[in-house]
C-alpha atoms as a PDB file:
ATOM      1  CA  UNK A   1      16.881  15.193  -5.665  1.00  0.00           C
ATOM      2  CA  UNK A   2      16.844  13.011  -3.306  1.00  0.00           C
ATOM      3  CA  UNK A   3      13.917  10.979  -2.018  1.00  0.00           C
ATOM      4  CA  UNK A   4      12.738  11.809   1.881  1.00  0.00           C
ATOM      5  CA  UNK A   5      11.938   9.677   3.848  1.00  0.00           C
ATOM      6  CA  UNK A   6       8.477   8.754   5.110  1.00  0.00           C
ATOM      7  CA  UNK A   7       7.235  10.875   8.198  1.00  0.00           C
ATOM      8  CA  UNK A   8       4.715   9.125  10.842  1.00  0.00           C
ATOM      9  CA  UNK A   9       1.662  11.193   9.286  1.00  0.00           C
ATOM     10  CA  UNK A  10       2.410   9.721   5.689  1.00  0.00           C
ATOM     11  CA  UNK A  11       2.917   6.032   7.198  1.00  0.00           C
ATOM     12  CA  UNK A  12      -0.501   6.526   8.960  1.00  0.00           C
ATOM     13  CA  UNK A  13      -2.399   8.023   6.939  1.00  0.00           C
ATOM     14  CA  UNK A  14      -1.099   4.907   4.045  1.00  0.00           C
ATOM     15  CA  UNK A  15      -1.830   2.402   6.628  1.00  0.00           C
ATOM     16  CA  UNK A  16      -5.160   3.701   7.097  1.00  0.00           C
ATOM     17  CA  UNK A  17      -5.877   4.454   3.964  1.00  0.00           C
ATOM     18  CA  UNK A  18      -4.946   0.481   3.495  1.00  0.00           C
ATOM     19  CA  UNK A  19      -6.722  -1.077   5.926  1.00  0.00           C
ATOM     20  CA  UNK A  20     -10.144   1.232   4.870  1.00  0.00           C
ATOM     21  CA  UNK A  21      -9.124  -0.401   1.267  1.00  0.00           C
ATOM     22  CA  UNK A  22      -9.287  -3.687   2.076  1.00  0.00           C
ATOM     23  CA  UNK A  23     -12.907  -3.146   3.573  1.00  0.00           C
ATOM     24  CA  UNK A  24     -14.045  -2.205   0.518  1.00  0.00           C
ATOM     25  CA  UNK A  25     -12.087  -5.073  -1.196  1.00  0.00           C
ATOM     26  CA  UNK A  26     -13.731  -7.301   1.578  1.00  0.00           C
ATOM     27  CA  UNK A  27     -17.867  -5.284   0.795  1.00  0.00           C
ATOM     28  CA  UNK A  28     -16.858  -6.064  -2.783  1.00  0.00           C
ATOM     29  CA  UNK A  29     -16.631  -2.536  -3.998  1.00  0.00           C
ATOM     30  CA  UNK A  30     -13.368  -3.070  -5.636  1.00  0.00           C
ATOM     31  CA  UNK A  31     -14.036   0.329  -7.540  1.00  0.00           C
ATOM     32  CA  UNK A  32     -13.853   1.730  -4.402  1.00  0.00           C
ATOM     33  CA  UNK A  33     -10.918  -0.745  -3.214  1.00  0.00           C
ATOM     34  CA  UNK A  34      -8.817  -0.131  -6.482  1.00  0.00           C
ATOM     35  CA  UNK A  35      -8.610   4.141  -6.148  1.00  0.00           C
ATOM     36  CA  UNK A  36      -8.038   4.018  -2.373  1.00  0.00           C
ATOM     37  CA  UNK A  37      -4.980   1.271  -2.996  1.00  0.00           C
ATOM     38  CA  UNK A  38      -3.481   3.160  -5.771  1.00  0.00           C
ATOM     39  CA  UNK A  39      -4.341   6.616  -3.524  1.00  0.00           C
ATOM     40  CA  UNK A  40      -1.972   4.985  -0.469  1.00  0.00           C
ATOM     41  CA  UNK A  41       0.795   3.162  -3.065  1.00  0.00           C
ATOM     42  CA  UNK A  42       1.047   7.158  -3.858  1.00  0.00           C
ATOM     43  CA  UNK A  43       1.905   8.226  -0.483  1.00  0.00           C
ATOM     44  CA  UNK A  44       6.041   9.510  -0.446  1.00  0.00           C
ATOM     45  CA  UNK A  45       6.404   7.268  -3.441  1.00  0.00           C
ATOM     46  CA  UNK A  46      10.257   5.284  -3.745  1.00  0.00           C
ATOM     47  CA  UNK A  47       9.353   5.400  -8.163  1.00  0.00           C
ATOM     48  CA  UNK A  48       6.972   8.130  -9.025  1.00  0.00           C
ATOM     49  CA  UNK A  49       6.447   6.233 -12.780  1.00  0.00           C
ATOM     50  CA  UNK A  50       5.322   3.159 -10.728  1.00  0.00           C
ATOM     51  CA  UNK A  51       2.346   3.337 -10.554  1.00  0.00           C
ATOM     52  CA  UNK A  52       2.006   4.494 -14.440  1.00  0.00           C
ATOM     53  CA  UNK A  53       3.523   1.602 -15.054  1.00  0.00           C
ATOM     54  CA  UNK A  54       2.348  -1.669 -13.147  1.00  0.00           C
ATOM     55  CA  UNK A  55      -1.689  -0.235 -14.839  1.00  0.00           C
ATOM     56  CA  UNK A  56      -0.042  -0.215 -18.024  1.00  0.00           C
ATOM     57  CA  UNK A  57       1.302  -3.621 -17.110  1.00  0.00           C
ATOM     58  CA  UNK A  58      -2.610  -4.847 -15.929  1.00  0.00           C
ATOM     59  CA  UNK A  59      -4.249  -3.364 -18.526  1.00  0.00           C
ATOM     60  CA  UNK A  60      -2.734  -4.958 -21.314  1.00  0.00           C
ATOM     61  CA  UNK A  61      -3.907  -8.343 -19.323  1.00  0.00           C
ATOM     62  CA  UNK A  62      -7.285  -9.187 -19.744  1.00  0.00           C
ATOM     63  CA  UNK A  63      -8.022  -9.703 -15.533  1.00  0.00           C
ATOM     64  CA  UNK A  64     -10.795  -9.912 -13.841  1.00  0.00           C
ATOM     65  CA  UNK A  65     -12.344  -6.744 -11.640  1.00  0.00           C
ATOM     66  CA  UNK A  66     -11.469  -8.908  -8.680  1.00  0.00           C
ATOM     67  CA  UNK A  67      -8.238  -9.575  -9.979  1.00  0.00           C
ATOM     68  CA  UNK A  68      -7.047  -5.800 -10.366  1.00  0.00           C
ATOM     69  CA  UNK A  69      -8.599  -5.712  -7.410  1.00  0.00           C
ATOM     70  CA  UNK A  70      -6.598  -7.496  -5.276  1.00  0.00           C
ATOM     71  CA  UNK A  71      -3.409  -6.677  -7.445  1.00  0.00           C
ATOM     72  CA  UNK A  72      -3.875  -3.211  -6.746  1.00  0.00           C
ATOM     73  CA  UNK A  73      -4.039  -3.915  -3.523  1.00  0.00           C
ATOM     74  CA  UNK A  74      -0.693  -5.808  -3.595  1.00  0.00           C
ATOM     75  CA  UNK A  75       1.493  -3.445  -4.817  1.00  0.00           C
ATOM     76  CA  UNK A  76      -0.090  -0.761  -2.004  1.00  0.00           C
ATOM     77  CA  UNK A  77       0.366  -3.650   0.440  1.00  0.00           C
ATOM     78  CA  UNK A  78       3.968  -4.150  -0.079  1.00  0.00           C
ATOM     79  CA  UNK A  79       4.640  -0.252  -0.513  1.00  0.00           C
ATOM     80  CA  UNK A  80       3.575   0.041   2.734  1.00  0.00           C
ATOM     81  CA  UNK A  81       6.453  -3.057   3.620  1.00  0.00           C
ATOM     82  CA  UNK A  82       8.600  -0.840   2.971  1.00  0.00           C
ATOM     83  CA  UNK A  83       8.103   2.425   3.980  1.00  0.00           C
ATOM     84  CA  UNK A  84       7.437   0.276   7.022  1.00  0.00           C
ATOM     85  CA  UNK A  85      11.446  -0.293   7.100  1.00  0.00           C
ATOM     86  CA  UNK A  86      11.849   3.756   6.992  1.00  0.00           C
ATOM     87  CA  UNK A  87      10.219   4.193   9.783  1.00  0.00           C
ATOM     88  CA  UNK A  88      12.639   4.355  13.461  1.00  0.00           C
ATOM     89  CA  UNK A  89      11.493   2.525  15.822  1.00  0.00           C
ATOM     90  CA  UNK A  90      10.070   5.205  18.699  1.00  0.00           C
ATOM     91  CA  UNK A  91       8.120   6.471  15.582  1.00  0.00           C
ATOM     92  CA  UNK A  92       6.622   3.071  15.098  1.00  0.00           C
ATOM     93  CA  UNK A  93       5.520   3.049  18.243  1.00  0.00           C
ATOM     94  CA  UNK A  94       4.483   6.206  17.685  1.00  0.00           C
ATOM     95  CA  UNK A  95       2.395   5.114  14.354  1.00  0.00           C
ATOM     96  CA  UNK A  96       1.093   2.742  16.130  1.00  0.00           C
ATOM     97  CA  UNK A  97       1.405   0.220  13.342  1.00  0.00           C
ATOM     98  CA  UNK A  98      -1.071  -2.448  13.160  1.00  0.00           C
ATOM     99  CA  UNK A  99       0.224  -5.341  14.592  1.00  0.00           C
ATOM    100  CA  UNK A 100      -1.459  -7.685  12.081  1.00  0.00           C
ATOM    101  CA  UNK A 101       0.513  -6.337   8.793  1.00  0.00           C
ATOM    102  CA  UNK A 102       3.000  -6.407  11.324  1.00  0.00           C
ATOM    103  CA  UNK A 103       3.023 -10.262  11.202  1.00  0.00           C
ATOM    104  CA  UNK A 104       2.043 -10.589   7.207  1.00  0.00           C
ATOM    105  CA  UNK A 105       5.060  -8.115   6.586  1.00  0.00           C
ATOM    106  CA  UNK A 106       7.719 -10.148   8.796  1.00  0.00           C
ATOM    107  CA  UNK A 107       6.034 -13.032   7.317  1.00  0.00           C
ATOM    108  CA  UNK A 108       6.901 -12.048   3.659  1.00  0.00           C
ATOM    109  CA  UNK A 109      10.813 -11.516   5.127  1.00  0.00           C
ATOM    110  CA  UNK A 110      10.774 -15.962   6.019  1.00  0.00           C
END
Protein backbone atom coordinates (compact mmCIF):
# COMPACT_ATOMS: atom_id res chain seq x y z
CA UNK A 1 0.00 0.00 0.00
CA UNK A 2 1.40 3.38 -1.00
CA UNK A 3 2.07 5.98 1.67
CA UNK A 4 -0.26 8.98 1.65
CA UNK A 5 1.60 12.34 1.77
CA UNK A 6 1.42 14.29 5.01
CA UNK A 7 -1.47 16.69 5.54
CA UNK A 8 -1.17 20.22 6.91
CA UNK A 9 -2.81 19.06 10.15
CA UNK A 10 -0.41 16.13 10.56
CA UNK A 11 2.61 18.32 9.88
CA UNK A 12 1.38 20.95 12.32
CA UNK A 13 0.87 18.27 14.99
CA UNK A 14 4.33 16.76 14.39
CA UNK A 15 5.97 20.20 14.48
CA UNK A 16 4.22 21.14 17.73
CA UNK A 17 5.12 17.83 19.36
CA UNK A 18 8.77 18.19 18.29
CA UNK A 19 8.99 21.73 19.68
CA UNK A 20 7.40 20.62 22.97
CA UNK A 21 9.77 17.64 23.13
CA UNK A 22 12.78 19.92 22.64
CA UNK A 23 11.51 22.05 25.54
CA UNK A 24 11.21 18.92 27.72
CA UNK A 25 14.74 17.88 26.74
CA UNK A 26 16.09 21.32 27.65
CA UNK A 27 14.33 21.06 31.03
CA UNK A 28 16.09 17.68 31.49
CA UNK A 29 12.81 15.73 31.41
CA UNK A 30 14.45 13.13 29.19
CA UNK A 31 11.78 10.44 29.65
CA UNK A 32 9.03 12.84 28.63
CA UNK A 33 11.15 14.17 25.76
CA UNK A 34 11.87 10.68 24.42
CA UNK A 35 8.19 9.75 24.43
CA UNK A 36 7.32 12.98 22.63
CA UNK A 37 10.10 12.55 20.06
CA UNK A 38 8.80 9.03 19.35
CA UNK A 39 5.27 10.38 18.94
CA UNK A 40 6.45 13.04 16.47
CA UNK A 41 8.40 10.45 14.45
CA UNK A 42 5.32 8.23 14.11
CA UNK A 43 3.11 10.85 12.50
CA UNK A 44 2.76 9.88 8.84
CA UNK A 45 5.79 7.54 9.00
CA UNK A 46 7.76 6.64 5.88
CA UNK A 47 8.58 3.22 7.32
CA UNK A 48 6.36 1.89 10.11
CA UNK A 49 9.17 -0.37 11.40
CA UNK A 50 11.83 2.34 11.55
CA UNK A 51 11.20 3.39 15.15
CA UNK A 52 11.25 -0.22 16.39
CA UNK A 53 14.52 -0.84 14.56
CA UNK A 54 15.96 2.39 15.95
CA UNK A 55 14.95 1.44 19.50
CA UNK A 56 16.63 -1.98 19.15
CA UNK A 57 19.86 -0.34 18.02
CA UNK A 58 19.79 2.06 20.96
CA UNK A 59 19.11 -0.74 23.44
CA UNK A 60 22.13 -2.58 22.03
CA UNK A 61 24.41 0.24 23.14
CA UNK A 62 25.32 1.71 26.49
CA UNK A 63 23.93 5.20 26.28
CA UNK A 64 23.03 7.62 29.02
CA UNK A 65 19.43 8.81 29.13
CA UNK A 66 20.40 12.26 27.84
CA UNK A 67 22.22 10.66 24.88
CA UNK A 68 19.14 8.57 24.08
CA UNK A 69 17.02 11.71 24.16
CA UNK A 70 19.40 13.42 21.71
CA UNK A 71 19.23 10.37 19.41
CA UNK A 72 15.43 10.42 19.40
CA UNK A 73 15.50 14.19 18.87
CA UNK A 74 17.58 13.64 15.75
CA UNK A 75 15.24 10.94 14.53
CA UNK A 76 12.16 13.14 15.00
CA UNK A 77 13.85 16.20 13.47
CA UNK A 78 14.96 14.29 10.36
CA UNK A 79 11.45 12.87 10.06
CA UNK A 80 9.90 16.34 10.25
CA UNK A 81 12.35 17.68 7.67
CA UNK A 82 11.28 14.91 5.28
CA UNK A 83 7.61 15.67 5.92
CA UNK A 84 8.29 19.33 5.16
CA UNK A 85 9.55 18.36 1.70
CA UNK A 86 6.13 16.87 0.93
CA UNK A 87 4.26 20.12 1.57
CA UNK A 88 3.48 22.57 -1.21
CA UNK A 89 4.38 26.24 -0.75
CA UNK A 90 0.71 26.99 -0.05
CA UNK A 91 0.57 24.27 2.59
CA UNK A 92 3.76 25.60 4.22
CA UNK A 93 2.08 29.00 4.54
CA UNK A 94 -1.01 27.39 6.00
CA UNK A 95 0.88 25.50 8.75
CA UNK A 96 2.91 27.91 9.31
CA UNK A 97 6.32 26.22 9.43
CA UNK A 98 8.59 27.34 12.28
CA UNK A 99 11.33 29.59 10.85
CA UNK A 100 14.02 28.22 13.20
CA UNK A 101 13.30 24.66 12.10
CA UNK A 102 13.40 25.66 8.43
CA UNK A 103 16.81 27.27 8.98
CA UNK A 104 18.16 24.13 10.63
CA UNK A 105 16.75 21.89 7.90
CA UNK A 106 18.23 24.12 5.19
CA UNK A 107 21.63 24.05 6.92
CA UNK A 108 21.50 20.23 6.77
CA UNK A 109 21.00 20.38 3.02
CA UNK A 110 24.06 22.59 2.45
